[in-house]
Amino acid sequence: MSASSSNGKSKSILFYLLLLILSGVMLFIAFRLPQKNNTSYNTTAKSTPEELLAMFQQQSDIASTEIIIRKIGVYESGTEFVSINPATWKLGTRLCVVPVDIKIRYGIDLRDLKQNDVQLLDHDTVLIRLPKPKIIDRSFEPVSNHQEVVAFTTGKRKKVGESTIQQIKNMAFSEVVSDTKQLQESFADEITHNTEIVFTSLLKPIGLTPKFVTKNS
């Protein structure tokens, strides 16, 4: 074998040996470098209770429901539905039937969530103290639709006027909004459950697990 052929083989072996060493060094460096985690949890794991509270409060629409209740307000002379003394009226009968559409927004008022109601616990858990459902807003149309009002007067009594109609409507409104027990039985559990589902769906993608409790007041 000639000297030139031997030198060529040595150079070839040396080249592959250097290439193998270089590959090993690169693999070693790759394993030693900190691994980049592409999960959404690590990009948001530093979410503060303040940021979580702001995120929750943006969901106010799902934490409540709007209800329209039609209450039939009835006044008849001699009853106590309206605080008017029938003894001051002249003989005869007065009757008035007034339908009242009462709009109620009922649910969890997320404006009642305070900063200490959202706490970060161990094991990526978020404690959320939810307020109890309540009437958030209520209203009724103050102007009567006279086509729906039924009223008649007999004898010499004063005819049913707008002031009496408004009194009837106010009494009907007060009677409906004071009956919170019926609203609670009908909607409270469902609203609380829906709110918990939505909050959970917001927290799961960022690696957090909610723990819900309901505040006493």
C-alpha atoms as a PDB file:
ATOM      1  CA  MET A   1       0.000   0.000   0.000  1.00  0.00           C
ATOM      2  CA  SER A   2       1.399   3.381  -0.958  1.00  0.00           C
ATOM      3  CA  ALA A   3       2.020   6.137   1.560  1.00  0.00           C
ATOM      4  CA  SER A   4      -0.485   8.445  -0.171  1.00  0.00           C
ATOM      5  CA  SER A   5      -3.261   5.851   0.069  1.00  0.00           C
ATOM      6  CA  SER A   6      -2.547   5.303   3.746  1.00  0.00           C
ATOM      7  CA  ASN A   7      -2.597   9.011   4.432  1.00  0.00           C
ATOM      8  CA  GLY A   8      -5.953   9.324   2.646  1.00  0.00           C
ATOM      9  CA  LYS A   9      -7.556   6.635   4.783  1.00  0.00           C
ATOM     10  CA  SER A  10      -6.202   8.227   7.954  1.00  0.00           C
ATOM     11  CA  LYS A  11      -7.650  11.563   7.008  1.00  0.00           C
ATOM     12  CA  SER A  12     -11.044   9.953   6.258  1.00  0.00           C
ATOM     13  CA  ILE A  13     -11.117   8.157   9.609  1.00  0.00           C
ATOM     14  CA  LEU A  14     -10.065  11.334  11.385  1.00  0.00           C
ATOM     15  CA  PHE A  15     -12.845  13.288   9.631  1.00  0.00           C
ATOM     16  CA  TYR A  16     -15.559  10.855  10.716  1.00  0.00           C
ATOM     17  CA  LEU A  17     -14.115  10.714  14.216  1.00  0.00           C
ATOM     18  CA  LEU A  18     -14.267  14.500  14.509  1.00  0.00           C
ATOM     19  CA  LEU A  19     -17.823  14.492  13.131  1.00  0.00           C
ATOM     20  CA  LEU A  20     -18.863  11.890  15.711  1.00  0.00           C
ATOM     21  CA  ILE A  21     -17.305  13.893  18.550  1.00  0.00           C
ATOM     22  CA  LEU A  22     -19.013  17.093  17.332  1.00  0.00           C
ATOM     23  CA  SER A  23     -22.418  15.333  17.196  1.00  0.00           C
ATOM     24  CA  GLY A  24     -21.937  14.080  20.739  1.00  0.00           C
ATOM     25  CA  VAL A  25     -21.082  17.542  21.989  1.00  0.00           C
ATOM     26  CA  MET A  26     -24.182  19.012  20.313  1.00  0.00           C
ATOM     27  CA  LEU A  27     -26.434  16.329  21.844  1.00  0.00           C
ATOM     28  CA  PHE A  28     -24.916  16.954  25.264  1.00  0.00           C
ATOM     29  CA  ILE A  29     -25.539  20.701  24.961  1.00  0.00           C
ATOM     30  CA  ALA A  30     -29.105  20.110  23.767  1.00  0.00           C
ATOM     31  CA  PHE A  31     -29.967  17.956  26.764  1.00  0.00           C
ATOM     32  CA  ARG A  32     -28.329  20.349  29.179  1.00  0.00           C
ATOM     33  CA  LEU A  33     -30.243  23.391  27.969  1.00  0.00           C
ATOM     34  CA  PRO A  34     -33.494  24.173  29.849  1.00  0.00           C
ATOM     35  CA  GLN A  35     -36.477  22.778  28.031  1.00  0.00           C
ATOM     36  CA  LYS A  36     -38.906  25.289  26.601  1.00  0.00           C
ATOM     37  CA  ASN A  37     -42.457  24.527  27.637  1.00  0.00           C
ATOM     38  CA  ASN A  38     -45.014  25.665  25.086  1.00  0.00           C
ATOM     39  CA  THR A  39     -48.111  25.036  27.224  1.00  0.00           C
ATOM     40  CA  SER A  40     -50.452  27.960  27.856  1.00  0.00           C
ATOM     41  CA  TYR A  41     -50.121  27.301  31.570  1.00  0.00           C
ATOM     42  CA  ASN A  42     -46.521  28.517  31.758  1.00  0.00           C
ATOM     43  CA  THR A  43     -47.307  31.629  29.782  1.00  0.00           C
ATOM     44  CA  THR A  44     -50.072  32.542  32.201  1.00  0.00           C
ATOM     45  CA  ALA A  45     -48.988  30.815  35.399  1.00  0.00           C
ATOM     46  CA  LYS A  46     -48.072  34.172  36.867  1.00  0.00           C
ATOM     47  CA  SER A  47     -51.675  35.371  36.743  1.00  0.00           C
ATOM     48  CA  THR A  48     -52.366  37.346  39.883  1.00  0.00           C
ATOM     49  CA  PRO A  49     -55.577  37.268  41.931  1.00  0.00           C
ATOM     50  CA  GLU A  50     -56.232  40.810  40.636  1.00  0.00           C
ATOM     51  CA  GLU A  51     -56.058  39.612  37.031  1.00  0.00           C
ATOM     52  CA  LEU A  52     -58.285  36.626  37.746  1.00  0.00           C
ATOM     53  CA  LEU A  53     -60.836  38.848  39.483  1.00  0.00           C
ATOM     54  CA  ALA A  54     -60.939  41.189  36.473  1.00  0.00           C
ATOM     55  CA  MET A  55     -61.421  38.185  34.164  1.00  0.00           C
ATOM     56  CA  PHE A  56     -64.320  36.864  36.253  1.00  0.00           C
ATOM     57  CA  GLN A  57     -66.073  40.219  36.471  1.00  0.00           C
ATOM     58  CA  GLN A  58     -66.204  40.403  32.679  1.00  0.00           C
ATOM     59  CA  GLN A  59     -68.630  37.449  32.744  1.00  0.00           C
ATOM     60  CA  SER A  60     -71.501  39.321  34.406  1.00  0.00           C
ATOM     61  CA  ASP A  61     -73.971  38.408  31.655  1.00  0.00           C
ATOM     62  CA  ILE A  62     -73.708  34.674  32.325  1.00  0.00           C
ATOM     63  CA  ALA A  63     -74.091  35.075  36.081  1.00  0.00           C
ATOM     64  CA  SER A  64     -77.654  36.406  35.950  1.00  0.00           C
ATOM     65  CA  THR A  65     -80.936  36.044  34.137  1.00  0.00           C
ATOM     66  CA  GLU A  66     -83.638  38.536  33.207  1.00  0.00           C
ATOM     67  CA  ILE A  67     -87.211  37.676  34.088  1.00  0.00           C
ATOM     68  CA  ILE A  68     -90.437  39.455  33.204  1.00  0.00           C
ATOM     69  CA  ILE A  69     -93.289  38.702  35.596  1.00  0.00           C
ATOM     70  CA  ARG A  70     -96.816  39.849  34.860  1.00  0.00           C
ATOM     71  CA  LYS A  71     -98.664  40.605  38.074  1.00  0.00           C
ATOM     72  CA  ILE A  72    -102.378  41.345  37.981  1.00  0.00           C
ATOM     73  CA  GLY A  73    -103.033  44.113  40.462  1.00  0.00           C
ATOM     74  CA  VAL A  74    -106.644  44.216  41.643  1.00  0.00           C
ATOM     75  CA  TYR A  75    -108.358  46.843  43.751  1.00  0.00           C
ATOM     76  CA  GLU A  76    -111.941  46.707  44.900  1.00  0.00           C
ATOM     77  CA  SER A  77    -113.529  49.170  47.266  1.00  0.00           C
ATOM     78  CA  GLY A  78    -113.677  47.715  50.761  1.00  0.00           C
ATOM     79  CA  THR A  79    -110.439  45.709  50.426  1.00  0.00           C
ATOM     80  CA  GLU A  80    -107.027  46.700  51.724  1.00  0.00           C
ATOM     81  CA  PHE A  81    -104.972  46.112  48.580  1.00  0.00           C
ATOM     82  CA  VAL A  82    -104.299  49.826  48.282  1.00  0.00           C
ATOM     83  CA  SER A  83    -103.889  51.994  51.354  1.00  0.00           C
ATOM     84  CA  ILE A  84    -106.843  54.242  50.625  1.00  0.00           C
ATOM     85  CA  ASN A  85    -109.549  54.554  53.237  1.00  0.00           C
ATOM     86  CA  PRO A  86    -112.842  53.528  51.579  1.00  0.00           C
ATOM     87  CA  ALA A  87    -114.758  55.177  54.441  1.00  0.00           C
ATOM     88  CA  THR A  88    -113.934  58.576  52.944  1.00  0.00           C
ATOM     89  CA  TRP A  89    -115.649  57.681  49.677  1.00  0.00           C
ATOM     90  CA  LYS A  90    -119.281  58.027  48.770  1.00  0.00           C
ATOM     91  CA  LEU A  91    -121.587  55.041  48.398  1.00  0.00           C
ATOM     92  CA  GLY A  92    -121.015  52.789  45.460  1.00  0.00           C
ATOM     93  CA  THR A  93    -118.369  50.386  44.194  1.00  0.00           C
ATOM     94  CA  ARG A  94    -114.988  50.893  42.615  1.00  0.00           C
ATOM     95  CA  LEU A  95    -113.097  48.146  40.850  1.00  0.00           C
ATOM     96  CA  CYS A  96    -109.777  48.331  39.060  1.00  0.00           C
ATOM     97  CA  VAL A  97    -107.697  45.572  37.493  1.00  0.00           C
ATOM     98  CA  VAL A  98    -104.228  46.547  36.304  1.00  0.00           C
ATOM     99  CA  PRO A  99    -101.706  44.185  34.662  1.00  0.00           C
ATOM    100  CA  VAL A 100     -98.145  45.091  35.642  1.00  0.00           C
ATOM    101  CA  ASP A 101     -95.078  43.820  33.757  1.00  0.00           C
ATOM    102  CA  ILE A 102     -92.201  43.695  36.219  1.00  0.00           C
ATOM    103  CA  LYS A 103     -88.666  43.204  34.873  1.00  0.00           C
ATOM    104  CA  ILE A 104     -86.221  41.575  37.270  1.00  0.00           C
ATOM    105  CA  ARG A 105     -82.524  40.837  36.776  1.00  0.00           C
ATOM    106  CA  TYR A 106     -81.708  38.039  39.188  1.00  0.00           C
ATOM    107  CA  GLY A 107     -78.431  36.266  39.772  1.00  0.00           C
ATOM    108  CA  ILE A 108     -74.895  36.640  41.081  1.00  0.00           C
ATOM    109  CA  ASP A 109     -73.747  40.245  41.041  1.00  0.00           C
ATOM    110  CA  LEU A 110     -70.059  39.856  40.166  1.00  0.00           C
ATOM    111  CA  ARG A 111     -69.492  43.453  41.240  1.00  0.00           C
ATOM    112  CA  ASP A 112     -69.814  42.055  44.783  1.00  0.00           C
ATOM    113  CA  LEU A 113     -66.673  39.950  44.253  1.00  0.00           C
ATOM    114  CA  LYS A 114     -63.870  41.442  46.353  1.00  0.00           C
ATOM    115  CA  GLN A 115     -60.171  40.869  46.005  1.00  0.00           C
ATOM    116  CA  ASN A 116     -60.011  38.511  48.983  1.00  0.00           C
ATOM    117  CA  ASP A 117     -62.746  36.398  47.345  1.00  0.00           C
ATOM    118  CA  VAL A 118     -60.196  35.153  44.780  1.00  0.00           C
ATOM    119  CA  GLN A 119     -57.167  33.427  46.315  1.00  0.00           C
ATOM    120  CA  LEU A 120     -54.369  31.341  44.826  1.00  0.00           C
ATOM    121  CA  LEU A 121     -53.789  28.156  46.853  1.00  0.00           C
ATOM    122  CA  ASP A 122     -51.278  25.330  46.633  1.00  0.00           C
ATOM    123  CA  HIS A 123     -51.364  22.766  43.833  1.00  0.00           C
ATOM    124  CA  ASP A 124     -52.557  25.317  41.228  1.00  0.00           C
ATOM    125  CA  THR A 125     -55.930  25.753  42.952  1.00  0.00           C
ATOM    126  CA  VAL A 126     -57.977  28.952  42.964  1.00  0.00           C
ATOM    127  CA  LEU A 127     -60.408  29.525  45.821  1.00  0.00           C
ATOM    128  CA  ILE A 128     -63.445  31.521  44.638  1.00  0.00           C
ATOM    129  CA  ARG A 129     -66.047  32.779  47.101  1.00  0.00           C
ATOM    130  CA  LEU A 130     -69.211  33.377  45.116  1.00  0.00           C
ATOM    131  CA  PRO A 131     -71.857  35.813  46.392  1.00  0.00           C
ATOM    132  CA  LYS A 132     -75.341  34.429  46.846  1.00  0.00           C
ATOM    133  CA  PRO A 133     -77.799  35.105  43.992  1.00  0.00           C
ATOM    134  CA  LYS A 134     -80.045  38.095  44.569  1.00  0.00           C
ATOM    135  CA  ILE A 135     -82.187  40.673  42.755  1.00  0.00           C
ATOM    136  CA  ILE A 136     -79.634  42.838  40.961  1.00  0.00           C
ATOM    137  CA  ASP A 137     -82.069  45.206  39.275  1.00  0.00           C
ATOM    138  CA  ARG A 138     -85.830  45.610  38.997  1.00  0.00           C
ATOM    139  CA  SER A 139     -88.206  47.961  37.240  1.00  0.00           C
ATOM    140  CA  PHE A 140     -91.693  48.301  35.824  1.00  0.00           C
ATOM    141  CA  GLU A 141     -93.336  50.567  33.319  1.00  0.00           C
ATOM    142  CA  PRO A 142     -94.615  53.591  35.271  1.00  0.00           C
ATOM    143  CA  VAL A 143     -97.136  54.669  32.604  1.00  0.00           C
ATOM    144  CA  SER A 144    -100.212  52.510  32.384  1.00  0.00           C
ATOM    145  CA  ASN A 145    -101.384  51.031  29.131  1.00  0.00           C
ATOM    146  CA  HIS A 146    -104.992  52.147  29.537  1.00  0.00           C
ATOM    147  CA  GLN A 147    -106.202  49.655  26.953  1.00  0.00           C
ATOM    148  CA  GLU A 148    -105.300  46.874  29.416  1.00  0.00           C
ATOM    149  CA  VAL A 149    -106.762  48.520  32.512  1.00  0.00           C
ATOM    150  CA  VAL A 150    -110.246  47.414  33.552  1.00  0.00           C
ATOM    151  CA  ALA A 151    -111.988  49.932  35.812  1.00  0.00           C
ATOM    152  CA  PHE A 152    -115.541  50.873  36.652  1.00  0.00           C
ATOM    153  CA  THR A 153    -117.274  52.930  39.294  1.00  0.00           C
ATOM    154  CA  THR A 154    -120.859  52.826  40.528  1.00  0.00           C
ATOM    155  CA  GLY A 155    -122.828  55.132  42.781  1.00  0.00           C
ATOM    156  CA  LYS A 156    -121.402  58.515  43.645  1.00  0.00           C
ATOM    157  CA  ARG A 157    -117.850  57.389  44.247  1.00  0.00           C
ATOM    158  CA  LYS A 158    -115.007  59.172  42.502  1.00  0.00           C
ATOM    159  CA  LYS A 159    -113.981  57.419  39.316  1.00  0.00           C
ATOM    160  CA  VAL A 160    -110.754  55.448  39.244  1.00  0.00           C
ATOM    161  CA  GLY A 161    -108.001  57.840  38.251  1.00  0.00           C
ATOM    162  CA  GLU A 162    -104.326  57.638  37.316  1.00  0.00           C
ATOM    163  CA  SER A 163    -103.134  58.076  40.892  1.00  0.00           C
ATOM    164  CA  THR A 164    -105.091  54.998  42.033  1.00  0.00           C
ATOM    165  CA  ILE A 165    -103.772  52.988  39.080  1.00  0.00           C
ATOM    166  CA  GLN A 166    -100.204  53.935  39.999  1.00  0.00           C
ATOM    167  CA  GLN A 167    -100.797  52.935  43.604  1.00  0.00           C
ATOM    168  CA  ILE A 168    -102.021  49.543  42.458  1.00  0.00           C
ATOM    169  CA  LYS A 169     -98.961  49.099  40.260  1.00  0.00           C
ATOM    170  CA  ASN A 170     -96.583  50.089  43.053  1.00  0.00           C
ATOM    171  CA  MET A 171     -98.204  47.615  45.423  1.00  0.00           C
ATOM    172  CA  ALA A 172     -98.052  44.825  42.823  1.00  0.00           C
ATOM    173  CA  PHE A 173     -94.387  45.629  42.154  1.00  0.00           C
ATOM    174  CA  SER A 174     -93.491  45.560  45.859  1.00  0.00           C
ATOM    175  CA  GLU A 175     -95.297  42.252  46.324  1.00  0.00           C
ATOM    176  CA  VAL A 176     -93.342  40.576  43.505  1.00  0.00           C
ATOM    177  CA  VAL A 177     -89.844  41.825  44.369  1.00  0.00           C
ATOM    178  CA  SER A 178     -90.299  41.005  48.058  1.00  0.00           C
ATOM    179  CA  ASP A 179     -90.937  37.337  47.239  1.00  0.00           C
ATOM    180  CA  THR A 180     -87.266  36.404  46.859  1.00  0.00           C
ATOM    181  CA  LYS A 181     -87.928  32.865  48.079  1.00  0.00           C
ATOM    182  CA  GLN A 182     -89.721  31.994  44.852  1.00  0.00           C
ATOM    183  CA  LEU A 183     -86.901  33.440  42.750  1.00  0.00           C
ATOM    184  CA  GLN A 184     -84.313  31.522  44.737  1.00  0.00           C
ATOM    185  CA  GLU A 185     -86.158  28.230  44.401  1.00  0.00           C
ATOM    186  CA  SER A 186     -86.565  28.737  40.655  1.00  0.00           C
ATOM    187  CA  PHE A 187     -83.203  30.110  39.553  1.00  0.00           C
ATOM    188  CA  ALA A 188     -80.497  30.238  42.259  1.00  0.00           C
ATOM    189  CA  ASP A 189     -79.072  26.721  41.859  1.00  0.00           C
ATOM    190  CA  GLU A 190     -79.013  26.889  38.073  1.00  0.00           C
ATOM    191  CA  ILE A 191     -77.316  30.313  38.009  1.00  0.00           C
ATOM    192  CA  THR A 192     -74.664  29.215  40.518  1.00  0.00           C
ATOM    193  CA  HIS A 193     -74.017  26.023  38.546  1.00  0.00           C
ATOM    194  CA  ASN A 194     -73.685  27.905  35.237  1.00  0.00           C
ATOM    195  CA  THR A 195     -71.292  30.415  36.796  1.00  0.00           C
ATOM    196  CA  GLU A 196     -69.087  27.624  38.144  1.00  0.00           C
ATOM    197  CA  ILE A 197     -68.990  25.964  34.708  1.00  0.00           C
ATOM    198  CA  VAL A 198     -67.902  29.161  32.970  1.00  0.00           C
ATOM    199  CA  PHE A 199     -65.252  29.999  35.583  1.00  0.00           C
ATOM    200  CA  THR A 200     -63.884  26.464  35.331  1.00  0.00           C
ATOM    201  CA  SER A 201     -63.660  26.737  31.537  1.00  0.00           C
ATOM    202  CA  LEU A 202     -61.658  29.956  31.955  1.00  0.00           C
ATOM    203  CA  LEU A 203     -59.209  28.467  34.467  1.00  0.00           C
ATOM    204  CA  LYS A 204     -58.574  24.999  33.036  1.00  0.00           C
ATOM    205  CA  PRO A 205     -56.683  26.219  29.910  1.00  0.00           C
ATOM    206  CA  ILE A 206     -54.199  28.081  32.105  1.00  0.00           C
ATOM    207  CA  GLY A 207     -53.584  25.104  34.351  1.00  0.00           C
ATOM    208  CA  LEU A 208     -55.681  26.164  37.334  1.00  0.00           C
ATOM    209  CA  THR A 209     -58.411  24.293  39.176  1.00  0.00           C
ATOM    210  CA  PRO A 210     -61.231  26.225  40.901  1.00  0.00           C
ATOM    211  CA  LYS A 211     -62.601  25.513  44.336  1.00  0.00           C
ATOM    212  CA  PHE A 212     -65.962  27.196  44.913  1.00  0.00           C
ATOM    213  CA  VAL A 213     -67.597  28.247  48.138  1.00  0.00           C
ATOM    214  CA  THR A 214     -70.651  30.462  48.608  1.00  0.00           C
ATOM    215  CA  LYS A 215     -70.446  33.472  50.873  1.00  0.00           C
ATOM    216  CA  ASN A 216     -72.939  33.679  53.710  1.00  0.00           C
ATOM    217  CA  SER A 217     -73.918  37.223  52.845  1.00  0.00           C
END
